[in-house]
Structures are given as C-alpha cells and as structure tokens.
Amino acid sequence: MGTIKTAAPISTAKRARKKRIGVIDIGSNSVRFVVYALNGAAFASIYDEKVLAGLGRDLRRTGKLNPEGRVQALAALKRFMALAQAQKLDGVRIAATAALRDADDALAFITLVKKQTGLEIDPLSGEAEASMSAYGVIAGEPRAKGLAADLGGASLELIELVNGQALGGISHQLGPFAMYDGQFDPHILRPQIAHKLADTLGQNFAHLDTLYLIGGAWRNLAIIHQKRNEYPLRMAHNYRLDAQTAKLMADWACSQHGAQTLLNWPNISQRRADTLPYGGLLLSVLLEKLPVKHVVIAPGGLRDGLVYTALDVETKKRNALFDACSSLYRRGTKQGQMSRALYRFINDIHTQLPRSFSLDNENRLRKAASLLIGTGAGLHPDHRAQIVYEIALYGPLPGLTHKERAYLALILFRSFRSRKKPPNNSAIQYSLSGEEQMNAKIYGEALRAAIVLSGRSSAVLEKCSLKFSSGLEASALILQVQDGYEHLIIERIDKHFRALATMLHVVLKIKTRDSC
C-alpha cells in the first residue's frame, strides 16, 4: 500500500461541507480511527472506530509493547489505512502517544507498520501531546480557562488553558499501565501518585480554579455518575461538577465497593473497566492537591486538537458555534437568509428582552437559535419541535454548557410549540430556574411570531420591524409594517404578537410606516 497524505493547514470558509479529515490515534490502551466533517471552525465526528489493543499494558513490567496488543494494533491500522484510502479524505493526521514514545521496541513496531501499511508514525513528545489535547478542549469550548488533564493508558499530561491558548505542558508516567501491574491497590498507589505530582501541581497550577478532564476513563466515570444520580441530560461533554461532588465521585470509584461495581458495570468492556478505579484514584489525588472549584469533563481531547491545529488561522477566528448551527442546514440557501433575517428582526428589542446570561452570551444563544430553527423546515409538523429540541440538547454544537444547551433547546421548542411540555422536560427543570425558563420561552415566542408573520420569507421581514415604547401610557411592543403591506396582518398574526406582548407584560400596537 502507498502512503496517505497528512493534513496541511485547511481552509473551510468556502465549500466547508466537502472537507473531511481523518485522525488515527495510536494510544497506550486504544487504537482509533475517526473521520471528521469540517464546517468552518466547527467539526464533528461522522465515523469513529476503536480497538482496545492495550499496546502499553506491559510497559511497567517489561518496558516493551504488549505482544497481543502489537498484533491487534497492526491489524487495526491496516484496516484504518484501507478505510482512509477508500474514503478519499482531504487529509489524515496521525498521533502516537506514550506507548510508542517509551517502549524499548517502539521503533521496531513503527518500522513494521510503515512497511505493511505505509503509515508514517512520529510519536508525540509528552509536551506536544499535552498541547494537542488542550487545543482539543479549546475547539469544543473556546471559553475554556483552567487546567487540562489528559489521562491515557501510560501517561498523564497537564497543561494550562487561557484565552484560547495552551501554555506549557508537562507529561508524567502516571497512566494505569505505568503505575501498576496486577491487582489495583489504592493504599499503595495513592502516596506514589501524590509524590510524583507534588512539585508540578504546587509550582505550576495552584492558581487555576477549573479542572478539565480528558480521556476515556474519566469520561466513563462521568457517564456512570450521571446514571447513578439520575442526571437528566445524558451527555459527558461539558458535564460540570463542583469540586466536592467530583471528589465524592472519585473516592467512590477507587473504594473497594466502587471498584467492584465499576468492574461489573454493564456495557463497558473489561479492558476499559480495569482503568476506571485508577482514574478515580488519580482524580482524588488531583483534587486533594489543587484548590479547584469546578471539574468539567472536557468537550474534546487529542484527536480534536489534531483537527483544530490543522485549520488555517482565518478559519480558527470564525465562531465555531454558528458554523456548527449553519452546517445543520444547507449553507447559502434561502433558509440561511431567513435565519439571519429573524435575528435582525428581533435584534431591535434584544436589549429590552429579559435574559438569563450576559447580553453578549444571550445574543450568542439567540443567534444560534435563529440559525438552528431552519433545521425544522420541511419536517413533519407533529415532530419537528421534538427533533429540533433534541438537536440543541445533544447535537454536535461546540461552546455550550449543559445549562446553555437546555436554554437553547427550550427557545427552539417554544418557537414551534407554545403549549406542550418538551420531551425530557426534567433536563429543563434541572438546568433552568423558573425565571430562566420564562426568558427562553419569550425569545422562542418572538421567533414563532416572526415566522408566522413572514411565512418564512426574509423579504417580508424586511418590510417590518419591532420596537418598544414607554411613556405616560402603558409600555408597548410596537410592530411596524411598511405602507402597502397592511394586508400581512390578519387575526392569526395579531394573536401571536399579542401573546408575545402579554408575556412581556406590555400592550401590543401595530402601526404602518413609510419605510423600515
């Protein structure tokens, strides 16, 4: 087989839907192939396959790669190579981490892989691995600020995140394969972990208040924690815990009872389950040594960082959330024009509408709602509210906390349905206060009224505008319609805007005007 091209800097500003990039991640525990579809600054996995080869399982005992792992990893890489070639991707990025960085026989294995697959493997340094994982967090949450901790099979990488940048980067041989071989004993391992981390944590990261956890062990712990506590929004990415709750989770995971429960947890492979108690122990030590207030399951990691760093400078400046929303309908169509028109139409009263976040963040979510509302066009009217609602809750949308997802989802549900409760209403009740729910419903009602008025035509909205007025008389919501377009206003339109005015505790006035 011939070699496949690696990814040069990629511009996705134009014809973004045609861009696809593959990532082959050769880790100490798993070997993975992921294909991403790129849409501007946003990207989402469209294919994901992994093999838990366990290349690094023998590192601590023998200093060499696991023999069975070598066989499984090589077979997986042959398959992944064939898939990558068949799909004619725009590029493939390859990452190899601690096992192929540290094993005595790593070079021989790399040479064998090159001979049989054509893949060029250049293992990342520990510092480069930390940096790449950090940029994966930034890709999924551009506002991320704190300490990123990436736990793999053989190593732990630590790096600071601030203002969209990854600073420094330290790697420790603190993965489960590097720390013990055989029975898991937290009483022996805890002081060893604490000793190795003592200087690093005290000197470099004591000023950070948020810890971002990267890696399959921690992600699975979070999912299990959600199930055990009946958390209603079952999504690991950006799952946020206060430090005390996270410590309780970690201590349970490495306790005798917790470890036994994890080893027998349904639908988790034995090879993954074996790493979970250690993940809890390492997290427990980190939380003992760091004065963090919040723990967040990172929205991305090494593989996402590989894609993010392949984007060109101008593409990285784009708003990833808006690009992701736009990608869910055909960019450049009339629906795109309609989404922008909706946002502009309501924009004149944005500052006077009640909000649950800072004005900038509120407007960011409102614009996202205006973009996502187009995903409901063409769907069956009995089901589109639920479908669009679930896209907001669970879709590949970067830069959203769980609270922001719930808020956005409720805006969209209200824009299609005014009376019924949304599906999984418990996620709304858990995430949003009564006032916050009402604020979301108000903007959803504004979108609904604007769509009914316009018949989903951006040209119609250009003939109309909204504003507030206040004075000696009661405050009013004023719908202004350009002269000659009075026939747009019928009883149904009046009903929708009157409902919006009632929610805002103002009266409705409909006026004509010479120009908009």
Protein backbone atom coordinates (compact mmCIF):
# COMPACT_ATOMS: atom_id res chain seq x y z
CA MET A 1 0.00 0.00 0.00
CA GLY A 2 1.07 3.56 -0.59
CA THR A 3 1.26 6.29 1.99
CA ILE A 4 -1.66 8.59 2.64
CA LYS A 5 -1.33 12.33 2.81
CA THR A 6 -1.22 14.11 6.12
CA ALA A 7 -3.30 17.22 6.62
CA ALA A 8 -1.82 20.55 5.64
CA PRO A 9 -3.47 23.72 7.01
CA ILE A 10 -7.10 23.51 5.93
CA SER A 11 -9.34 26.41 4.98
CA THR A 12 -13.00 25.57 5.43
CA ALA A 13 -14.51 29.00 4.93
CA LYS A 14 -15.82 28.01 1.48
CA ARG A 15 -17.47 24.75 0.46
CA ALA A 16 -16.96 23.55 4.04
CA ARG A 17 -19.27 20.54 3.67
CA LYS A 18 -16.82 18.95 1.24
CA LYS A 19 -13.98 18.90 3.77
CA ARG A 20 -13.31 15.68 5.66
CA ILE A 21 -10.22 14.82 7.66
CA GLY A 22 -9.24 11.56 9.31
CA VAL A 23 -7.37 11.01 12.55
CA ILE A 24 -5.54 7.82 13.53
CA ASP A 25 -4.76 7.85 17.25
CA ILE A 26 -2.36 5.15 18.48
CA GLY A 27 -2.62 5.25 22.25
CA SER A 28 -1.37 3.05 25.05
CA ASN A 29 -4.80 1.50 25.56
CA SER A 30 -6.71 2.05 22.30
CA VAL A 31 -6.09 2.49 18.60
CA ARG A 32 -8.69 4.68 16.99
CA PHE A 33 -9.79 5.95 13.59
CA VAL A 34 -12.09 8.96 13.44
CA VAL A 35 -13.38 10.84 10.40
CA TYR A 36 -14.44 14.45 10.94
CA ALA A 37 -16.63 16.62 8.72
CA LEU A 38 -15.39 20.21 8.80
CA ASN A 39 -17.72 23.18 8.59
CA GLY A 40 -15.86 26.43 9.06
CA ALA A 41 -14.40 26.40 12.58
CA ALA A 42 -16.75 23.59 13.62
CA PHE A 43 -16.16 19.92 13.06
CA ALA A 44 -17.96 16.77 14.10
CA SER A 45 -17.17 13.08 14.07
CA ILE A 46 -19.03 11.23 11.32
CA TYR A 47 -17.26 7.90 11.85
CA ASP A 48 -15.50 6.58 14.95
CA GLU A 49 -13.95 3.14 15.39
CA LYS A 50 -11.65 1.93 18.15
CA VAL A 51 -9.79 -1.22 19.10
CA LEU A 52 -8.72 -1.64 22.73
CA ALA A 53 -5.39 -3.17 21.77
CA GLY A 54 -3.60 -2.33 25.03
CA LEU A 55 -0.21 -1.66 23.43
CA GLY A 56 1.14 -0.24 26.68
CA ARG A 57 -0.11 -2.89 29.11
CA ASP A 58 3.34 -4.44 29.65
CA LEU A 59 5.34 -1.20 29.79
CA ARG A 60 5.85 -1.16 33.55
CA ARG A 61 6.87 -4.83 33.77
CA THR A 62 8.85 -5.40 30.56
CA GLY A 63 9.50 -1.97 29.05
CA LYS A 64 8.09 -3.36 25.80
CA LEU A 65 4.82 -3.31 23.90
CA ASN A 66 2.25 -5.95 24.72
CA PRO A 67 2.67 -8.79 22.17
CA GLU A 68 -1.06 -9.36 21.71
CA GLY A 69 -1.53 -5.60 21.55
CA ARG A 70 1.01 -5.38 18.71
CA VAL A 71 -0.97 -7.91 16.67
CA GLN A 72 -4.30 -6.21 17.32
CA ALA A 73 -2.92 -2.72 16.71
CA LEU A 74 -1.28 -3.70 13.43
CA ALA A 75 -4.48 -5.36 12.19
CA ALA A 76 -6.46 -2.26 13.16
CA LEU A 77 -4.02 0.07 11.40
CA LYS A 78 -4.21 -1.99 8.19
CA ARG A 79 -7.99 -1.69 8.29
CA PHE A 80 -7.91 2.02 9.09
CA MET A 81 -5.47 2.64 6.26
CA ALA A 82 -7.79 0.90 3.81
CA LEU A 83 -10.77 2.90 5.07
CA ALA A 84 -8.89 6.19 4.80
CA GLN A 85 -7.80 5.48 1.22
CA ALA A 86 -11.27 4.36 0.15
CA GLN A 87 -12.90 7.50 1.55
CA LYS A 88 -10.52 9.85 -0.27
CA LEU A 89 -10.21 12.16 2.70
CA ASP A 90 -8.78 15.67 2.44
CA GLY A 91 -6.04 14.60 4.84
CA VAL A 92 -5.13 12.25 7.64
CA ARG A 93 -3.36 13.18 10.85
CA ILE A 94 -1.62 10.52 12.92
CA ALA A 95 -0.86 10.66 16.63
CA ALA A 96 1.13 8.15 18.64
CA THR A 97 1.50 8.69 22.37
CA ALA A 98 3.24 7.22 25.42
CA ALA A 99 3.47 3.55 24.42
CA LEU A 100 5.27 4.31 21.14
CA ARG A 101 7.20 7.10 22.83
CA ASP A 102 8.64 4.99 25.67
CA ALA A 103 8.69 1.28 24.76
CA ASP A 104 12.07 -0.27 24.00
CA ASP A 105 10.68 -1.97 20.90
CA ALA A 106 8.62 1.01 19.69
CA LEU A 107 10.94 1.77 16.76
CA ALA A 108 10.74 -1.82 15.50
CA PHE A 109 6.94 -1.69 15.63
CA ILE A 110 6.85 1.69 13.87
CA THR A 111 9.09 0.28 11.13
CA LEU A 112 6.82 -2.76 10.75
CA VAL A 113 3.74 -0.54 10.47
CA LYS A 114 5.42 1.59 7.81
CA LYS A 115 6.36 -1.48 5.80
CA GLN A 116 2.92 -3.08 5.93
CA THR A 117 0.63 -0.05 5.78
CA GLY A 118 2.63 2.92 4.53
CA LEU A 119 1.76 4.92 7.64
CA GLU A 120 4.43 7.36 8.81
CA ILE A 121 4.37 7.40 12.62
CA ASP A 122 6.24 10.06 14.56
CA PRO A 123 5.36 9.76 18.27
CA LEU A 124 4.40 12.98 20.00
CA SER A 125 6.55 14.21 22.87
CA GLY A 126 4.79 14.45 26.20
CA GLU A 127 4.68 18.23 25.92
CA ALA A 128 3.26 18.07 22.37
CA GLU A 129 0.64 15.56 23.48
CA ALA A 130 -0.42 17.89 26.30
CA SER A 131 -0.66 20.82 23.90
CA MET A 132 -2.65 18.88 21.31
CA SER A 133 -5.13 17.66 23.92
CA ALA A 134 -5.51 21.20 25.25
CA TYR A 135 -6.38 22.52 21.80
CA GLY A 136 -8.99 19.80 21.56
CA VAL A 137 -10.63 21.27 24.67
CA ILE A 138 -10.46 24.76 23.14
CA ALA A 139 -12.06 23.50 19.92
CA GLY A 140 -15.03 22.23 21.91
CA GLU A 141 -15.18 25.18 24.32
CA PRO A 142 -13.36 28.33 23.14
CA ARG A 143 -14.00 29.97 26.53
CA ALA A 144 -12.14 27.22 28.43
CA LYS A 145 -9.86 28.52 31.17
CA GLY A 146 -8.11 26.33 33.71
CA LEU A 147 -6.04 23.16 33.86
CA ALA A 148 -6.45 20.39 31.29
CA ALA A 149 -5.55 16.90 32.49
CA ASP A 150 -5.34 14.12 29.89
CA LEU A 151 -5.20 10.58 31.28
CA GLY A 152 -4.09 7.89 28.85
CA GLY A 153 -3.09 4.30 29.34
CA ALA A 154 0.52 5.11 30.25
CA SER A 155 0.76 8.85 30.91
CA LEU A 156 -0.90 11.94 32.34
CA GLU A 157 -0.50 15.28 30.57
CA LEU A 158 -1.16 18.59 32.34
CA ILE A 159 -1.39 21.98 30.64
CA GLU A 160 -2.92 25.39 31.32
CA LEU A 161 -5.69 26.86 29.14
CA VAL A 162 -6.19 30.62 28.87
CA ASN A 163 -7.59 32.94 26.18
CA GLY A 164 -7.72 30.22 23.55
CA GLN A 165 -4.10 29.22 24.10
CA ALA A 166 -2.33 26.24 25.66
CA LEU A 167 0.54 27.25 27.93
CA GLY A 168 3.41 24.98 28.89
CA GLY A 169 2.70 21.29 29.10
CA ILE A 170 4.02 18.57 31.41
CA SER A 171 3.85 14.79 30.99
CA HIS A 172 4.10 12.22 33.78
CA GLN A 173 4.23 8.44 33.57
CA LEU A 174 1.09 8.22 35.65
CA GLY A 175 -1.26 6.19 33.47
CA PRO A 176 -2.52 2.90 34.93
CA PHE A 177 -0.20 0.81 32.76
CA ALA A 178 2.81 2.73 34.07
CA MET A 179 1.80 2.57 37.73
CA TYR A 180 0.75 -0.99 38.48
CA ASP A 181 0.57 -4.46 37.01
CA GLY A 182 -1.89 -6.85 38.54
CA GLN A 183 -4.20 -6.06 41.44
CA PHE A 184 -5.31 -2.45 41.95
CA ASP A 185 -4.35 -1.28 45.46
CA PRO A 186 -5.19 2.37 46.16
CA HIS A 187 -3.37 2.34 49.52
CA ILE A 188 -0.07 1.67 47.76
CA LEU A 189 -0.73 3.82 44.70
CA ARG A 190 -2.07 6.98 46.36
CA PRO A 191 1.22 8.09 48.02
CA GLN A 192 3.16 7.23 44.85
CA ILE A 193 0.88 9.43 42.73
CA ALA A 194 0.97 12.25 45.28
CA HIS A 195 4.77 12.15 45.39
CA LYS A 196 5.13 12.34 41.61
CA LEU A 197 2.70 15.24 41.35
CA ALA A 198 3.73 17.27 44.39
CA ASP A 199 6.20 19.67 42.78
CA THR A 200 4.30 20.02 39.47
CA LEU A 201 0.96 20.97 40.98
CA GLY A 202 2.30 23.35 43.60
CA GLN A 203 4.63 25.25 41.27
CA ASN A 204 2.56 25.48 38.10
CA PHE A 205 -1.18 25.16 38.56
CA ALA A 206 -2.19 26.28 42.06
CA HIS A 207 -3.85 29.46 40.71
CA LEU A 208 -6.39 27.69 38.46
CA ASP A 209 -9.97 27.07 39.59
CA THR A 210 -11.31 24.74 36.87
CA LEU A 211 -10.04 21.26 36.03
CA TYR A 212 -10.86 19.84 32.58
CA LEU A 213 -10.69 16.03 32.45
CA ILE A 214 -9.71 14.35 29.18
CA GLY A 215 -9.67 10.63 28.49
CA GLY A 216 -11.93 7.62 28.28
CA ALA A 217 -11.56 6.56 31.92
CA TRP A 218 -12.79 9.89 33.27
CA ARG A 219 -15.46 10.22 30.61
CA ASN A 220 -16.89 6.81 31.51
CA LEU A 221 -16.77 7.66 35.21
CA ALA A 222 -18.82 10.78 34.47
CA ILE A 223 -21.40 8.81 32.47
CA ILE A 224 -21.75 6.30 35.31
CA HIS A 225 -22.03 9.16 37.82
CA GLN A 226 -24.86 10.64 35.76
CA LYS A 227 -26.71 7.31 35.74
CA ARG A 228 -26.21 6.71 39.45
CA ASN A 229 -27.55 10.17 40.26
CA GLU A 230 -30.30 10.26 37.59
CA TYR A 231 -28.83 13.31 35.92
CA PRO A 232 -31.35 14.11 33.17
CA LEU A 233 -29.05 15.34 30.38
CA ARG A 234 -27.00 12.26 29.47
CA MET A 235 -24.04 13.90 27.78
CA ALA A 236 -20.49 13.64 29.09
CA HIS A 237 -19.02 16.58 27.18
CA ASN A 238 -19.00 19.72 29.33
CA TYR A 239 -20.56 17.86 32.26
CA ARG A 240 -19.75 20.17 35.17
CA LEU A 241 -19.35 19.24 38.83
CA ASP A 242 -18.34 21.26 41.85
CA ALA A 243 -15.06 20.06 43.35
CA GLN A 244 -16.72 18.47 46.38
CA THR A 245 -19.10 16.38 44.26
CA ALA A 246 -16.26 15.36 41.94
CA LYS A 247 -14.19 14.28 44.96
CA LEU A 248 -17.04 12.10 46.22
CA MET A 249 -17.31 10.53 42.76
CA ALA A 250 -13.57 9.91 42.64
CA ASP A 251 -13.36 8.43 46.15
CA TRP A 252 -16.28 6.10 45.44
CA ALA A 253 -14.63 4.91 42.20
CA CYS A 254 -11.42 3.85 43.95
CA SER A 255 -13.10 2.40 47.05
CA GLN A 256 -13.42 -1.37 47.33
CA HIS A 257 -17.18 -1.28 46.73
CA GLY A 258 -16.94 1.29 43.93
CA ALA A 259 -14.12 -0.51 42.14
CA GLN A 260 -16.03 -3.80 42.23
CA THR A 261 -19.16 -2.07 40.91
CA LEU A 262 -17.20 -0.47 38.06
CA LEU A 263 -15.57 -3.76 37.07
CA ASN A 264 -19.05 -5.24 36.62
CA TRP A 265 -20.77 -2.22 35.11
CA PRO A 266 -22.90 -3.25 32.09
CA ASN A 267 -21.91 -2.25 28.54
CA ILE A 268 -18.33 -1.34 29.44
CA SER A 269 -15.58 -3.62 28.16
CA GLN A 270 -13.34 -5.33 30.70
CA ARG A 271 -10.25 -3.56 29.36
CA ARG A 272 -11.89 -0.16 29.85
CA ALA A 273 -13.42 -1.09 33.21
CA ASP A 274 -9.99 -2.07 34.52
CA THR A 275 -8.83 1.55 34.22
CA LEU A 276 -11.80 3.21 35.93
CA PRO A 277 -10.88 2.70 39.62
CA TYR A 278 -7.41 4.09 38.91
CA GLY A 279 -8.98 7.06 37.12
CA GLY A 280 -10.96 7.74 40.27
CA LEU A 281 -7.87 7.47 42.45
CA LEU A 282 -5.83 9.85 40.28
CA LEU A 283 -8.68 12.37 40.24
CA SER A 284 -8.97 12.10 44.02
CA VAL A 285 -5.27 12.96 44.42
CA LEU A 286 -5.52 15.87 41.96
CA LEU A 287 -8.45 17.32 43.88
CA GLU A 288 -6.58 16.97 47.17
CA LYS A 289 -3.59 18.87 45.79
CA LEU A 290 -5.34 21.52 43.67
CA PRO A 291 -7.60 24.30 45.03
CA VAL A 292 -10.00 23.98 42.08
CA LYS A 293 -13.68 24.85 42.45
CA HIS A 294 -15.06 23.14 39.36
CA VAL A 295 -14.41 19.93 37.44
CA VAL A 296 -15.53 19.65 33.81
CA ILE A 297 -15.48 16.64 31.50
CA ALA A 298 -13.67 18.13 28.53
CA PRO A 299 -15.62 18.55 25.27
CA GLY A 300 -12.60 17.39 23.26
CA GLY A 301 -9.12 15.98 23.50
CA LEU A 302 -6.13 14.82 21.50
CA ARG A 303 -7.96 13.86 18.31
CA ASP A 304 -9.99 17.06 18.26
CA GLY A 305 -6.77 19.00 18.84
CA LEU A 306 -5.20 17.36 15.80
CA VAL A 307 -8.09 18.59 13.64
CA TYR A 308 -8.19 22.05 15.21
CA THR A 309 -4.48 22.64 14.66
CA ALA A 310 -4.91 21.63 11.01
CA LEU A 311 -7.25 24.61 10.42
CA ASP A 312 -5.78 27.76 8.95
CA VAL A 313 -5.53 30.95 11.02
CA GLU A 314 -8.54 32.68 9.45
CA THR A 315 -10.79 29.66 9.92
CA LYS A 316 -9.89 29.46 13.62
CA LYS A 317 -11.16 33.04 14.03
CA ARG A 318 -14.66 32.05 12.96
CA ASN A 319 -17.40 31.36 15.52
CA ALA A 320 -17.50 27.59 15.83
CA LEU A 321 -20.99 27.52 17.37
CA PHE A 322 -22.51 29.49 14.50
CA ASP A 323 -20.68 27.38 11.92
CA ALA A 324 -21.98 24.22 13.58
CA CYS A 325 -25.55 25.54 13.59
CA SER A 326 -25.28 26.59 9.95
CA SER A 327 -23.95 23.18 8.96
CA LEU A 328 -27.19 21.54 10.04
CA TYR A 329 -29.00 23.06 7.07
CA ARG A 330 -27.64 23.81 3.62
CA ARG A 331 -25.44 26.88 3.92
CA GLY A 332 -26.18 29.59 1.37
CA THR A 333 -29.83 28.59 0.81
CA LYS A 334 -32.90 30.74 1.43
CA GLN A 335 -33.15 29.21 4.89
CA GLY A 336 -29.79 30.76 5.72
CA GLN A 337 -31.12 34.13 4.64
CA MET A 338 -34.22 33.56 6.74
CA SER A 339 -32.21 32.75 9.84
CA ARG A 340 -30.24 35.97 9.53
CA ALA A 341 -33.43 37.94 8.87
CA LEU A 342 -35.06 36.50 12.00
CA TYR A 343 -32.14 37.57 14.15
CA ARG A 344 -32.11 41.07 12.65
CA PHE A 345 -35.88 41.46 13.04
CA ILE A 346 -35.80 40.73 16.77
CA ASN A 347 -32.43 42.42 17.28
CA ASP A 348 -34.01 45.87 17.72
CA ILE A 349 -35.56 44.75 21.01
CA HIS A 350 -32.73 42.47 22.20
CA THR A 351 -31.55 44.80 24.95
CA GLN A 352 -35.09 45.13 26.32
CA LEU A 353 -35.91 41.44 26.36
CA PRO A 354 -35.37 39.61 29.67
CA ARG A 355 -32.22 37.49 29.70
CA SER A 356 -30.53 34.80 31.75
CA PHE A 357 -26.88 35.43 30.77
CA SER A 358 -24.69 38.39 29.98
CA LEU A 359 -26.00 40.32 26.97
CA ASP A 360 -23.18 39.09 24.73
CA ASN A 361 -23.78 35.47 25.68
CA GLU A 362 -27.53 35.84 25.48
CA ASN A 363 -27.25 37.25 21.97
CA ARG A 364 -24.88 34.42 21.05
CA LEU A 365 -27.53 31.89 22.08
CA ARG A 366 -30.27 33.86 20.35
CA LYS A 367 -28.31 33.89 17.11
CA ALA A 368 -27.69 30.15 17.45
CA ALA A 369 -31.44 29.65 17.88
CA SER A 370 -32.15 31.73 14.77
CA LEU A 371 -29.74 29.52 12.82
CA LEU A 372 -30.97 26.21 14.22
CA ILE A 373 -34.63 27.00 13.64
CA GLY A 374 -34.04 26.23 9.98
CA THR A 375 -33.45 22.56 10.83
CA GLY A 376 -37.19 22.27 11.41
CA ALA A 377 -38.15 23.41 7.91
CA GLY A 378 -39.60 20.53 5.91
CA LEU A 379 -40.07 18.22 8.90
CA HIS A 380 -43.47 16.80 9.82
CA PRO A 381 -45.25 19.42 11.96
CA ASP A 382 -46.14 16.85 14.62
CA HIS A 383 -42.47 16.00 15.23
CA ARG A 384 -40.29 18.94 14.25
CA ALA A 385 -40.45 20.63 17.67
CA GLN A 386 -39.10 17.49 19.35
CA ILE A 387 -36.42 16.90 16.68
CA VAL A 388 -35.06 20.45 16.80
CA TYR A 389 -35.22 20.42 20.60
CA GLU A 390 -33.10 17.26 20.74
CA ILE A 391 -30.62 18.65 18.21
CA ALA A 392 -30.00 21.53 20.61
CA LEU A 393 -29.66 19.19 23.59
CA TYR A 394 -27.47 16.54 22.02
CA GLY A 395 -26.18 17.82 18.68
CA PRO A 396 -22.50 18.46 17.81
CA LEU A 397 -22.56 22.08 18.95
CA PRO A 398 -19.31 23.44 20.42
CA GLY A 399 -19.14 26.16 23.03
CA LEU A 400 -22.23 25.22 25.05
CA THR A 401 -22.51 24.33 28.71
CA HIS A 402 -25.32 21.98 29.69
CA LYS A 403 -27.28 24.94 31.04
CA GLU A 404 -26.86 26.80 27.75
CA ARG A 405 -27.97 23.71 25.81
CA ALA A 406 -31.13 23.47 27.90
CA TYR A 407 -31.83 27.18 27.39
CA LEU A 408 -31.28 26.98 23.64
CA ALA A 409 -33.40 23.83 23.38
CA LEU A 410 -36.31 25.47 25.20
CA ILE A 411 -36.13 28.56 22.95
CA LEU A 412 -36.40 26.32 19.91
CA PHE A 413 -39.16 24.13 21.32
CA ARG A 414 -41.23 27.21 22.13
CA SER A 415 -40.70 28.55 18.62
CA PHE A 416 -42.62 25.51 17.31
CA ARG A 417 -44.90 24.63 20.22
CA SER A 418 -46.49 27.04 22.67
CA ARG A 419 -48.48 24.78 24.98
CA LYS A 420 -46.96 21.32 25.27
CA LYS A 421 -44.09 20.42 27.58
CA PRO A 422 -40.86 19.46 25.82
CA PRO A 423 -39.63 15.87 25.85
CA ASN A 424 -37.12 15.20 28.63
CA ASN A 425 -38.60 18.16 30.48
CA SER A 426 -36.58 17.04 33.52
CA ALA A 427 -33.43 18.36 31.80
CA ILE A 428 -35.08 21.78 31.59
CA GLN A 429 -36.31 21.69 35.18
CA TYR A 430 -32.88 20.60 36.45
CA SER A 431 -30.87 23.14 34.48
CA LEU A 432 -33.04 26.27 34.47
CA SER A 433 -34.87 28.25 37.12
CA GLY A 434 -38.46 29.27 36.54
CA GLU A 435 -37.36 32.76 35.52
CA GLU A 436 -34.76 31.38 33.11
CA GLN A 437 -37.37 29.12 31.55
CA MET A 438 -39.66 32.07 31.02
CA ASN A 439 -36.85 34.10 29.42
CA ALA A 440 -36.19 31.27 26.96
CA LYS A 441 -39.89 30.93 26.18
CA ILE A 442 -40.18 34.66 25.46
CA TYR A 443 -37.48 34.57 22.83
CA GLY A 444 -38.95 31.37 21.41
CA GLU A 445 -42.33 33.12 21.17
CA ALA A 446 -40.70 36.07 19.38
CA LEU A 447 -39.20 33.67 16.82
CA ARG A 448 -42.55 31.93 16.43
CA ALA A 449 -44.39 35.20 15.84
CA ALA A 450 -41.81 36.38 13.31
CA ILE A 451 -42.01 33.11 11.34
CA VAL A 452 -45.80 33.21 11.24
CA LEU A 453 -45.73 36.85 10.14
CA SER A 454 -43.21 36.26 7.38
CA GLY A 455 -44.30 32.86 6.08
CA ARG A 456 -40.57 32.02 6.30
CA SER A 457 -39.75 34.80 3.85
CA SER A 458 -36.82 37.07 4.67
CA ALA A 459 -38.19 39.63 2.17
CA VAL A 460 -41.34 40.01 4.26
CA LEU A 461 -39.40 40.65 7.47
CA GLU A 462 -37.51 43.43 5.70
CA LYS A 463 -40.85 45.27 5.43
CA CYS A 464 -41.45 45.04 9.17
CA SER A 465 -39.78 45.92 12.44
CA LEU A 466 -40.24 45.62 16.20
CA LYS A 467 -39.56 48.15 18.93
CA PHE A 468 -40.55 49.05 22.48
CA SER A 469 -42.02 52.35 23.56
CA SER A 470 -42.64 53.68 27.04
CA GLY A 471 -44.11 56.89 28.30
CA LEU A 472 -47.05 58.18 30.29
CA GLU A 473 -49.21 55.42 28.88
CA ALA A 474 -48.55 51.73 29.29
CA SER A 475 -45.35 50.37 27.78
CA ALA A 476 -45.95 48.85 24.38
CA LEU A 477 -44.49 46.39 21.92
CA ILE A 478 -44.85 48.02 18.52
CA LEU A 479 -45.00 46.01 15.31
CA GLN A 480 -44.40 48.38 12.43
CA VAL A 481 -45.37 47.42 8.90
CA GLN A 482 -44.34 49.35 5.79
CA ASP A 483 -47.14 51.17 3.98
CA GLY A 484 -48.76 48.95 1.39
CA TYR A 485 -48.14 45.76 3.39
CA GLU A 486 -51.01 46.12 5.87
CA HIS A 487 -52.63 43.04 4.37
CA LEU A 488 -49.91 40.93 6.02
CA ILE A 489 -51.67 41.49 9.35
CA ILE A 490 -54.60 39.17 9.95
CA GLU A 491 -56.15 37.77 13.12
CA ARG A 492 -53.59 34.94 13.37
CA ILE A 493 -50.66 37.38 13.24
CA ASP A 494 -52.29 39.67 15.79
CA LYS A 495 -52.80 36.68 18.10
CA HIS A 496 -49.13 35.65 18.06
CA PHE A 497 -47.71 39.12 18.66
CA ARG A 498 -50.32 39.78 21.34
CA ALA A 499 -49.21 36.59 23.09
CA LEU A 500 -45.60 37.86 22.99
CA ALA A 501 -46.67 41.23 24.39
CA THR A 502 -48.58 39.53 27.19
CA MET A 503 -45.52 37.52 28.17
CA LEU A 504 -43.57 40.81 28.29
CA HIS A 505 -46.32 42.50 30.37
CA VAL A 506 -46.85 45.23 27.78
CA VAL A 507 -49.59 46.10 25.32
CA LEU A 508 -49.35 45.50 21.57
CA LYS A 509 -49.59 48.24 18.97
CA ILE A 510 -49.50 47.59 15.23
CA LYS A 511 -48.58 50.55 13.05
CA THR A 512 -47.76 51.26 9.42
CA ARG A 513 -44.80 53.39 8.41
CA ASP A 514 -43.26 54.91 5.34
CA SER A 515 -40.01 52.95 5.49
CA CYS A 516 -38.37 50.32 7.65
